[in-house]
Amino acid sequence: MENPDYHEVSPKKEGKIAKAIEHQTAKIPSDIFLWAAVGAMVASLGLKVAKQNHTALFVGQWAAPFLLFGVYNKIVKTEGSERDDE
């Protein structure tokens, strides 16, 4: 048996903080996040070669969050709350 409320999605307005964050992040070029991820991987490789294994793992794990921030940035630019205000 399906929950009748499951398919009903009420549109909610973004809060002031979310709008401010979206407005600021929309100004950042998407390439920045890609290059930050590549930079983290290169830095991690350099640290690994320098035999600093723990630091290399720490820095290497930054790549995924940078890429996720890039995806968020792209979504904000295409589907952000400022589109609702037009």
PDB file of N, CA and C in Angstrom:
ATOM      1  N   MET A   1       0.847  -1.190   0.000  1.00  0.00           N
ATOM      2  CA  MET A   1       0.000   0.000   0.000  1.00  0.00           C
ATOM      3  C   MET A   1       0.889   1.250   0.000  1.00  0.00           C
ATOM      4  N   GLU A   2       0.598   2.165  -0.910  1.00  0.00           N
ATOM      5  CA  GLU A   2       1.406   3.371  -1.033  1.00  0.00           C
ATOM      6  C   GLU A   2       0.909   4.455  -0.094  1.00  0.00           C
ATOM      7  N   ASN A   3       1.836   5.252   0.341  1.00  0.00           N
ATOM      8  CA  ASN A   3       1.519   6.398   1.163  1.00  0.00           C
ATOM      9  C   ASN A   3       0.957   7.483   0.245  1.00  0.00           C
ATOM     10  N   PRO A   4      -0.258   7.980   0.486  1.00  0.00           N
ATOM     11  CA  PRO A   4      -0.856   8.974  -0.421  1.00  0.00           C
ATOM     12  C   PRO A   4      -0.080  10.290  -0.458  1.00  0.00           C
ATOM     13  N   ASP A   5       0.645  10.606   0.600  1.00  0.00           N
ATOM     14  CA  ASP A   5       1.403  11.852   0.640  1.00  0.00           C
ATOM     15  C   ASP A   5       2.748  11.735  -0.068  1.00  0.00           C
ATOM     16  N   TYR A   6       3.123  10.532  -0.450  1.00  0.00           N
ATOM     17  CA  TYR A   6       4.442  10.308  -1.039  1.00  0.00           C
ATOM     18  C   TYR A   6       4.621  11.072  -2.348  1.00  0.00           C
ATOM     19  N   HIS A   7       3.614  11.106  -3.180  1.00  0.00           N
ATOM     20  CA  HIS A   7       3.727  11.730  -4.497  1.00  0.00           C
ATOM     21  C   HIS A   7       3.428  13.224  -4.482  1.00  0.00           C
ATOM     22  N   GLU A   8       2.894  13.709  -3.397  1.00  0.00           N
ATOM     23  CA  GLU A   8       2.569  15.128  -3.313  1.00  0.00           C
ATOM     24  C   GLU A   8       3.765  15.891  -2.759  1.00  0.00           C
ATOM     25  N   VAL A   9       4.289  16.780  -3.570  1.00  0.00           N
ATOM     26  CA  VAL A   9       5.417  17.592  -3.146  1.00  0.00           C
ATOM     27  C   VAL A   9       4.971  19.041  -3.189  1.00  0.00           C
ATOM     28  N   SER A  10       5.015  19.674  -2.041  1.00  0.00           N
ATOM     29  CA  SER A  10       4.611  21.074  -2.002  1.00  0.00           C
ATOM     30  C   SER A  10       5.832  21.943  -2.279  1.00  0.00           C
ATOM     31  N   PRO A  11       5.683  22.908  -3.182  1.00  0.00           N
ATOM     32  CA  PRO A  11       6.819  23.786  -3.464  1.00  0.00           C
ATOM     33  C   PRO A  11       7.111  24.662  -2.255  1.00  0.00           C
ATOM     34  N   LYS A  12       8.369  24.700  -1.862  1.00  0.00           N
ATOM     35  CA  LYS A  12       8.763  25.507  -0.711  1.00  0.00           C
ATOM     36  C   LYS A  12       9.721  26.589  -1.183  1.00  0.00           C
ATOM     37  N   LYS A  13       9.587  27.740  -0.593  1.00  0.00           N
ATOM     38  CA  LYS A  13      10.484  28.841  -0.911  1.00  0.00           C
ATOM     39  C   LYS A  13      11.794  28.645  -0.153  1.00  0.00           C
ATOM     40  N   GLU A  14      12.874  29.078  -0.784  1.00  0.00           N
ATOM     41  CA  GLU A  14      14.181  29.017  -0.136  1.00  0.00           C
ATOM     42  C   GLU A  14      14.257  30.107   0.924  1.00  0.00           C
ATOM     43  N   GLY A  15      15.014  29.832   1.965  1.00  0.00           N
ATOM     44  CA  GLY A  15      15.230  30.818   3.007  1.00  0.00           C
ATOM     45  C   GLY A  15      16.215  31.885   2.557  1.00  0.00           C
ATOM     46  N   LYS A  16      16.349  32.922   3.362  1.00  0.00           N
ATOM     47  CA  LYS A  16      17.248  34.025   3.014  1.00  0.00           C
ATOM     48  C   LYS A  16      18.698  33.561   2.931  1.00  0.00           C
ATOM     49  N   ILE A  17      19.095  32.676   3.833  1.00  0.00           N
ATOM     50  CA  ILE A  17      20.480  32.200   3.836  1.00  0.00           C
ATOM     51  C   ILE A  17      20.756  31.370   2.591  1.00  0.00           C
ATOM     52  N   ALA A  18      19.837  30.481   2.240  1.00  0.00           N
ATOM     53  CA  ALA A  18      20.018  29.643   1.046  1.00  0.00           C
ATOM     54  C   ALA A  18      20.093  30.509  -0.207  1.00  0.00           C
ATOM     55  N   LYS A  19      19.259  31.528  -0.289  1.00  0.00           N
ATOM     56  CA  LYS A  19      19.298  32.430  -1.447  1.00  0.00           C
ATOM     57  C   LYS A  19      20.628  33.169  -1.520  1.00  0.00           C
ATOM     58  N   ALA A  20      21.124  33.613  -0.363  1.00  0.00           N
ATOM     59  CA  ALA A  20      22.401  34.329  -0.342  1.00  0.00           C
ATOM     60  C   ALA A  20      23.544  33.418  -0.774  1.00  0.00           C
ATOM     61  N   ILE A  21      23.538  32.172  -0.297  1.00  0.00           N
ATOM     62  CA  ILE A  21      24.577  31.217  -0.680  1.00  0.00           C
ATOM     63  C   ILE A  21      24.499  30.939  -2.172  1.00  0.00           C
ATOM     64  N   GLU A  22      23.299  30.708  -2.689  1.00  0.00           N
ATOM     65  CA  GLU A  22      23.137  30.432  -4.115  1.00  0.00           C
ATOM     66  C   GLU A  22      23.578  31.620  -4.956  1.00  0.00           C
ATOM     67  N   HIS A  23      23.267  32.818  -4.495  1.00  0.00           N
ATOM     68  CA  HIS A  23      23.651  34.018  -5.245  1.00  0.00           C
ATOM     69  C   HIS A  23      25.173  34.138  -5.328  1.00  0.00           C
ATOM     70  N   GLN A  24      25.860  33.857  -4.223  1.00  0.00           N
ATOM     71  CA  GLN A  24      27.318  33.962  -4.212  1.00  0.00           C
ATOM     72  C   GLN A  24      27.977  32.822  -4.982  1.00  0.00           C
ATOM     73  N   THR A  25      27.484  31.587  -4.814  1.00  0.00           N
ATOM     74  CA  THR A  25      28.111  30.451  -5.492  1.00  0.00           C
ATOM     75  C   THR A  25      27.871  30.487  -6.995  1.00  0.00           C
ATOM     76  N   ALA A  26      26.807  31.125  -7.435  1.00  0.00           N
ATOM     77  CA  ALA A  26      26.542  31.225  -8.875  1.00  0.00           C
ATOM     78  C   ALA A  26      27.583  32.100  -9.570  1.00  0.00           C
ATOM     79  N   LYS A  27      28.288  32.924  -8.817  1.00  0.00           N
ATOM     80  CA  LYS A  27      29.318  33.790  -9.393  1.00  0.00           C
ATOM     81  C   LYS A  27      30.620  33.040  -9.669  1.00  0.00           C
ATOM     82  N   ILE A  28      30.797  31.869  -9.062  1.00  0.00           N
ATOM     83  CA  ILE A  28      32.045  31.112  -9.194  1.00  0.00           C
ATOM     84  C   ILE A  28      31.993  30.272 -10.465  1.00  0.00           C
ATOM     85  N   PRO A  29      33.001  30.377 -11.327  1.00  0.00           N
ATOM     86  CA  PRO A  29      33.018  29.548 -12.537  1.00  0.00           C
ATOM     87  C   PRO A  29      33.113  28.063 -12.180  1.00  0.00           C
ATOM     88  N   SER A  30      32.423  27.234 -12.931  1.00  0.00           N
ATOM     89  CA  SER A  30      32.409  25.794 -12.653  1.00  0.00           C
ATOM     90  C   SER A  30      33.785  25.164 -12.819  1.00  0.00           C
ATOM     91  N   ASP A  31      34.609  25.733 -13.686  1.00  0.00           N
ATOM     92  CA  ASP A  31      35.950  25.186 -13.906  1.00  0.00           C
ATOM     93  C   ASP A  31      36.805  25.219 -12.643  1.00  0.00           C
ATOM     94  N   ILE A  32      36.548  26.166 -11.772  1.00  0.00           N
ATOM     95  CA  ILE A  32      37.332  26.286 -10.539  1.00  0.00           C
ATOM     96  C   ILE A  32      37.265  24.986  -9.741  1.00  0.00           C
ATOM     97  N   PHE A  33      36.085  24.410  -9.636  1.00  0.00           N
ATOM     98  CA  PHE A  33      35.924  23.191  -8.847  1.00  0.00           C
ATOM     99  C   PHE A  33      36.610  22.004  -9.511  1.00  0.00           C
ATOM    100  N   LEU A  34      36.554  21.937 -10.830  1.00  0.00           N
ATOM    101  CA  LEU A  34      37.240  20.867 -11.551  1.00  0.00           C
ATOM    102  C   LEU A  34      38.746  20.973 -11.347  1.00  0.00           C
ATOM    103  N   TRP A  35      39.290  22.169 -11.497  1.00  0.00           N
ATOM    104  CA  TRP A  35      40.728  22.349 -11.321  1.00  0.00           C
ATOM    105  C   TRP A  35      41.148  22.150  -9.871  1.00  0.00           C
ATOM    106  N   ALA A  36      40.293  22.498  -8.925  1.00  0.00           N
ATOM    107  CA  ALA A  36      40.607  22.237  -7.515  1.00  0.00           C
ATOM    108  C   ALA A  36      40.700  20.736  -7.263  1.00  0.00           C
ATOM    109  N   ALA A  37      39.804  19.963  -7.861  1.00  0.00           N
ATOM    110  CA  ALA A  37      39.835  18.506  -7.707  1.00  0.00           C
ATOM    111  C   ALA A  37      41.094  17.928  -8.341  1.00  0.00           C
ATOM    112  N   VAL A  38      41.427  18.383  -9.542  1.00  0.00           N
ATOM    113  CA  VAL A  38      42.649  17.907 -10.208  1.00  0.00           C
ATOM    114  C   VAL A  38      43.875  18.314  -9.389  1.00  0.00           C
ATOM    115  N   GLY A  39      43.872  19.521  -8.865  1.00  0.00           N
ATOM    116  CA  GLY A  39      44.980  19.983  -8.026  1.00  0.00           C
ATOM    117  C   GLY A  39      45.149  19.139  -6.776  1.00  0.00           C
ATOM    118  N   ALA A  40      44.036  18.751  -6.167  1.00  0.00           N
ATOM    119  CA  ALA A  40      44.102  17.892  -4.984  1.00  0.00           C
ATOM    120  C   ALA A  40      44.698  16.534  -5.333  1.00  0.00           C
ATOM    121  N   MET A  41      44.331  16.004  -6.493  1.00  0.00           N
ATOM    122  CA  MET A  41      44.883  14.708  -6.906  1.00  0.00           C
ATOM    123  C   MET A  41      46.377  14.811  -7.201  1.00  0.00           C
ATOM    124  N   VAL A  42      46.786  15.886  -7.855  1.00  0.00           N
ATOM    125  CA  VAL A  42      48.208  16.080  -8.159  1.00  0.00           C
ATOM    126  C   VAL A  42      48.997  16.279  -6.867  1.00  0.00           C
ATOM    127  N   ALA A  43      48.461  17.086  -5.956  1.00  0.00           N
ATOM    128  CA  ALA A  43      49.129  17.292  -4.671  1.00  0.00           C
ATOM    129  C   ALA A  43      49.231  15.981  -3.899  1.00  0.00           C
ATOM    130  N   SER A  44      48.178  15.189  -3.947  1.00  0.00           N
ATOM    131  CA  SER A  44      48.189  13.893  -3.275  1.00  0.00           C
ATOM    132  C   SER A  44      49.260  12.983  -3.864  1.00  0.00           C
ATOM    133  N   LEU A  45      49.367  12.978  -5.181  1.00  0.00           N
ATOM    134  CA  LEU A  45      50.401  12.174  -5.835  1.00  0.00           C
ATOM    135  C   LEU A  45      51.795  12.638  -5.416  1.00  0.00           C
ATOM    136  N   GLY A  46      51.984  13.944  -5.371  1.00  0.00           N
ATOM    137  CA  GLY A  46      53.276  14.486  -4.937  1.00  0.00           C
ATOM    138  C   GLY A  46      53.610  14.092  -3.510  1.00  0.00           C
ATOM    139  N   LEU A  47      52.622  14.141  -2.647  1.00  0.00           N
ATOM    140  CA  LEU A  47      52.841  13.736  -1.257  1.00  0.00           C
ATOM    141  C   LEU A  47      53.126  12.243  -1.151  1.00  0.00           C
ATOM    142  N   LYS A  48      52.466  11.460  -1.974  1.00  0.00           N
ATOM    143  CA  LYS A  48      52.696  10.009  -1.978  1.00  0.00           C
ATOM    144  C   LYS A  48      54.126   9.709  -2.416  1.00  0.00           C
ATOM    145  N   VAL A  49      54.592  10.398  -3.461  1.00  0.00           N
ATOM    146  CA  VAL A  49      55.971  10.224  -3.932  1.00  0.00           C
ATOM    147  C   VAL A  49      56.957  10.645  -2.844  1.00  0.00           C
ATOM    148  N   ALA A  50      56.588  11.679  -2.073  1.00  0.00           N
ATOM    149  CA  ALA A  50      57.441  12.168  -0.987  1.00  0.00           C
ATOM    150  C   ALA A  50      57.318  11.304   0.265  1.00  0.00           C
ATOM    151  N   LYS A  51      56.621  10.194   0.161  1.00  0.00           N
ATOM    152  CA  LYS A  51      56.461   9.219   1.250  1.00  0.00           C
ATOM    153  C   LYS A  51      55.712   9.781   2.460  1.00  0.00           C
ATOM    154  N   GLN A  52      54.830  10.744   2.208  1.00  0.00           N
ATOM    155  CA  GLN A  52      53.961  11.266   3.265  1.00  0.00           C
ATOM    156  C   GLN A  52      52.571  10.677   3.042  1.00  0.00           C
ATOM    157  N   ASN A  53      52.459   9.385   3.320  1.00  0.00           N
ATOM    158  CA  ASN A  53      51.270   8.614   2.946  1.00  0.00           C
ATOM    159  C   ASN A  53      49.985   9.117   3.596  1.00  0.00           C
ATOM    160  N   HIS A  54      50.023   9.406   4.890  1.00  0.00           N
ATOM    161  CA  HIS A  54      48.793   9.838   5.573  1.00  0.00           C
ATOM    162  C   HIS A  54      48.308  11.188   5.039  1.00  0.00           C
ATOM    163  N   THR A  55      49.233  12.102   4.832  1.00  0.00           N
ATOM    164  CA  THR A  55      48.863  13.406   4.289  1.00  0.00           C
ATOM    165  C   THR A  55      48.369  13.270   2.852  1.00  0.00           C
ATOM    166  N   ALA A  56      48.989  12.365   2.091  1.00  0.00           N
ATOM    167  CA  ALA A  56      48.560  12.133   0.708  1.00  0.00           C
ATOM    168  C   ALA A  56      47.123  11.625   0.664  1.00  0.00           C
ATOM    169  N   LEU A  57      46.785  10.716   1.563  1.00  0.00           N
ATOM    170  CA  LEU A  57      45.404  10.216   1.613  1.00  0.00           C
ATOM    171  C   LEU A  57      44.438  11.330   2.006  1.00  0.00           C
ATOM    172  N   PHE A  58      44.838  12.135   2.977  1.00  0.00           N
ATOM    173  CA  PHE A  58      43.988  13.234   3.435  1.00  0.00           C
ATOM    174  C   PHE A  58      43.699  14.214   2.299  1.00  0.00           C
ATOM    175  N   VAL A  59      44.741  14.645   1.609  1.00  0.00           N
ATOM    176  CA  VAL A  59      44.580  15.617   0.524  1.00  0.00           C
ATOM    177  C   VAL A  59      43.857  14.986  -0.661  1.00  0.00           C
ATOM    178  N   GLY A  60      44.134  13.726  -0.944  1.00  0.00           N
ATOM    179  CA  GLY A  60      43.487  13.045  -2.064  1.00  0.00           C
ATOM    180  C   GLY A  60      41.986  12.925  -1.900  1.00  0.00           C
ATOM    181  N   GLN A  61      41.532  12.899  -0.662  1.00  0.00           N
ATOM    182  CA  GLN A  61      40.091  12.794  -0.416  1.00  0.00           C
ATOM    183  C   GLN A  61      39.362  14.112  -0.635  1.00  0.00           C
ATOM    184  N   TRP A  62      40.083  15.178  -0.881  1.00  0.00           N
ATOM    185  CA  TRP A  62      39.446  16.463  -1.167  1.00  0.00           C
ATOM    186  C   TRP A  62      38.837  16.499  -2.557  1.00  0.00           C
ATOM    187  N   ALA A  63      39.292  15.648  -3.461  1.00  0.00           N
ATOM    188  CA  ALA A  63      38.831  15.701  -4.852  1.00  0.00           C
ATOM    189  C   ALA A  63      37.319  15.500  -4.954  1.00  0.00           C
ATOM    190  N   ALA A  64      36.791  14.503  -4.274  1.00  0.00           N
ATOM    191  CA  ALA A  64      35.348  14.220  -4.361  1.00  0.00           C
ATOM    192  C   ALA A  64      34.490  15.390  -3.865  1.00  0.00           C
ATOM    193  N   PRO A  65      34.795  15.986  -2.701  1.00  0.00           N
ATOM    194  CA  PRO A  65      33.987  17.145  -2.290  1.00  0.00           C
ATOM    195  C   PRO A  65      34.072  18.317  -3.263  1.00  0.00           C
ATOM    196  N   PHE A  66      35.254  18.559  -3.831  1.00  0.00           N
ATOM    197  CA  PHE A  66      35.367  19.637  -4.821  1.00  0.00           C
ATOM    198  C   PHE A  66      34.461  19.366  -6.018  1.00  0.00           C
ATOM    199  N   LEU A  67      34.431  18.119  -6.479  1.00  0.00           N
ATOM    200  CA  LEU A  67      33.562  17.779  -7.606  1.00  0.00           C
ATOM    201  C   LEU A  67      32.091  17.907  -7.224  1.00  0.00           C
ATOM    202  N   LEU A  68      31.744  17.534  -5.995  1.00  0.00           N
ATOM    203  CA  LEU A  68      30.355  17.697  -5.538  1.00  0.00           C
ATOM    204  C   LEU A  68      29.973  19.172  -5.444  1.00  0.00           C
ATOM    205  N   PHE A  69      30.901  20.005  -4.979  1.00  0.00           N
ATOM    206  CA  PHE A  69      30.639  21.444  -4.956  1.00  0.00           C
ATOM    207  C   PHE A  69      30.415  21.964  -6.375  1.00  0.00           C
ATOM    208  N   GLY A  70      31.159  21.430  -7.332  1.00  0.00           N
ATOM    209  CA  GLY A  70      30.973  21.816  -8.733  1.00  0.00           C
ATOM    210  C   GLY A  70      29.603  21.439  -9.254  1.00  0.00           C
ATOM    211  N   VAL A  71      29.131  20.252  -8.876  1.00  0.00           N
ATOM    212  CA  VAL A  71      27.786  19.826  -9.276  1.00  0.00           C
ATOM    213  C   VAL A  71      26.743  20.744  -8.639  1.00  0.00           C
ATOM    214  N   TYR A  72      26.921  21.058  -7.361  1.00  0.00           N
ATOM    215  CA  TYR A  72      26.005  21.977  -6.680  1.00  0.00           C
ATOM    216  C   TYR A  72      26.004  23.332  -7.386  1.00  0.00           C
ATOM    217  N   ASN A  73      27.193  23.816  -7.721  1.00  0.00           N
ATOM    218  CA  ASN A  73      27.318  25.092  -8.413  1.00  0.00           C
ATOM    219  C   ASN A  73      26.547  25.075  -9.725  1.00  0.00           C
ATOM    220  N   LYS A  74      26.686  23.999 -10.485  1.00  0.00           N
ATOM    221  CA  LYS A  74      26.001  23.893 -11.780  1.00  0.00           C
ATOM    222  C   LYS A  74      24.481  23.849 -11.584  1.00  0.00           C
ATOM    223  N   ILE A  75      24.024  23.126 -10.573  1.00  0.00           N
ATOM    224  CA  ILE A  75      22.582  23.060 -10.293  1.00  0.00           C
ATOM    225  C   ILE A  75      22.055  24.435  -9.907  1.00  0.00           C
ATOM    226  N   VAL A  76      22.813  25.146  -9.070  1.00  0.00           N
ATOM    227  CA  VAL A  76      22.387  26.486  -8.655  1.00  0.00           C
ATOM    228  C   VAL A  76      22.280  27.408  -9.863  1.00  0.00           C
ATOM    229  N   LYS A  77      23.221  27.296 -10.784  1.00  0.00           N
ATOM    230  CA  LYS A  77      23.188  28.162 -11.965  1.00  0.00           C
ATOM    231  C   LYS A  77      22.011  27.849 -12.878  1.00  0.00           C
ATOM    232  N   THR A  78      21.596  26.590 -12.946  1.00  0.00           N
ATOM    233  CA  THR A  78      20.514  26.226 -13.864  1.00  0.00           C
ATOM    234  C   THR A  78      19.148  26.176 -13.194  1.00  0.00           C
ATOM    235  N   GLU A  79      19.098  25.781 -11.934  1.00  0.00           N
ATOM    236  CA  GLU A  79      17.818  25.583 -11.256  1.00  0.00           C
ATOM    237  C   GLU A  79      17.712  26.352  -9.950  1.00  0.00           C
ATOM    238  N   GLY A  80      18.529  27.366  -9.750  1.00  0.00           N
ATOM    239  CA  GLY A  80      18.584  28.083  -8.483  1.00  0.00           C
ATOM    240  C   GLY A  80      17.299  28.805  -8.137  1.00  0.00           C
ATOM    241  N   SER A  81      17.218  29.258  -6.895  1.00  0.00           N
ATOM    242  CA  SER A  81      15.998  29.907  -6.416  1.00  0.00           C
ATOM    243  C   SER A  81      15.749  31.239  -7.112  1.00  0.00           C
ATOM    244  N   GLU A  82      16.790  31.872  -7.651  1.00  0.00           N
ATOM    245  CA  GLU A  82      16.563  33.143  -8.341  1.00  0.00           C
ATOM    246  C   GLU A  82      15.749  32.948  -9.604  1.00  0.00           C
ATOM    247  N   ARG A  83      15.690  31.720 -10.135  1.00  0.00           N
ATOM    248  CA  ARG A  83      14.863  31.422 -11.308  1.00  0.00           C
ATOM    249  C   ARG A  83      13.378  31.522 -10.951  1.00  0.00           C
ATOM    250  N   ASP A  84      13.048  31.220  -9.692  1.00  0.00           N
ATOM    251  CA  ASP A  84      11.655  31.280  -9.254  1.00  0.00           C
ATOM    252  C   ASP A  84      11.153  32.713  -9.144  1.00  0.00           C
ATOM    253  N   ASP A  85      12.083  33.637  -8.934  1.00  0.00           N
ATOM    254  CA  ASP A  85      11.695  35.027  -8.721  1.00  0.00           C
ATOM    255  C   ASP A  85      11.403  35.762 -10.019  1.00  0.00           C
ATOM    256  N   GLU A  86      11.736  35.168 -11.152  1.00  0.00           N
ATOM    257  CA  GLU A  86      11.545  35.855 -12.431  1.00  0.00           C
ATOM    258  C   GLU A  86      10.106  35.876 -12.865  1.00  0.00           C
TER     259      GLU A  86
END
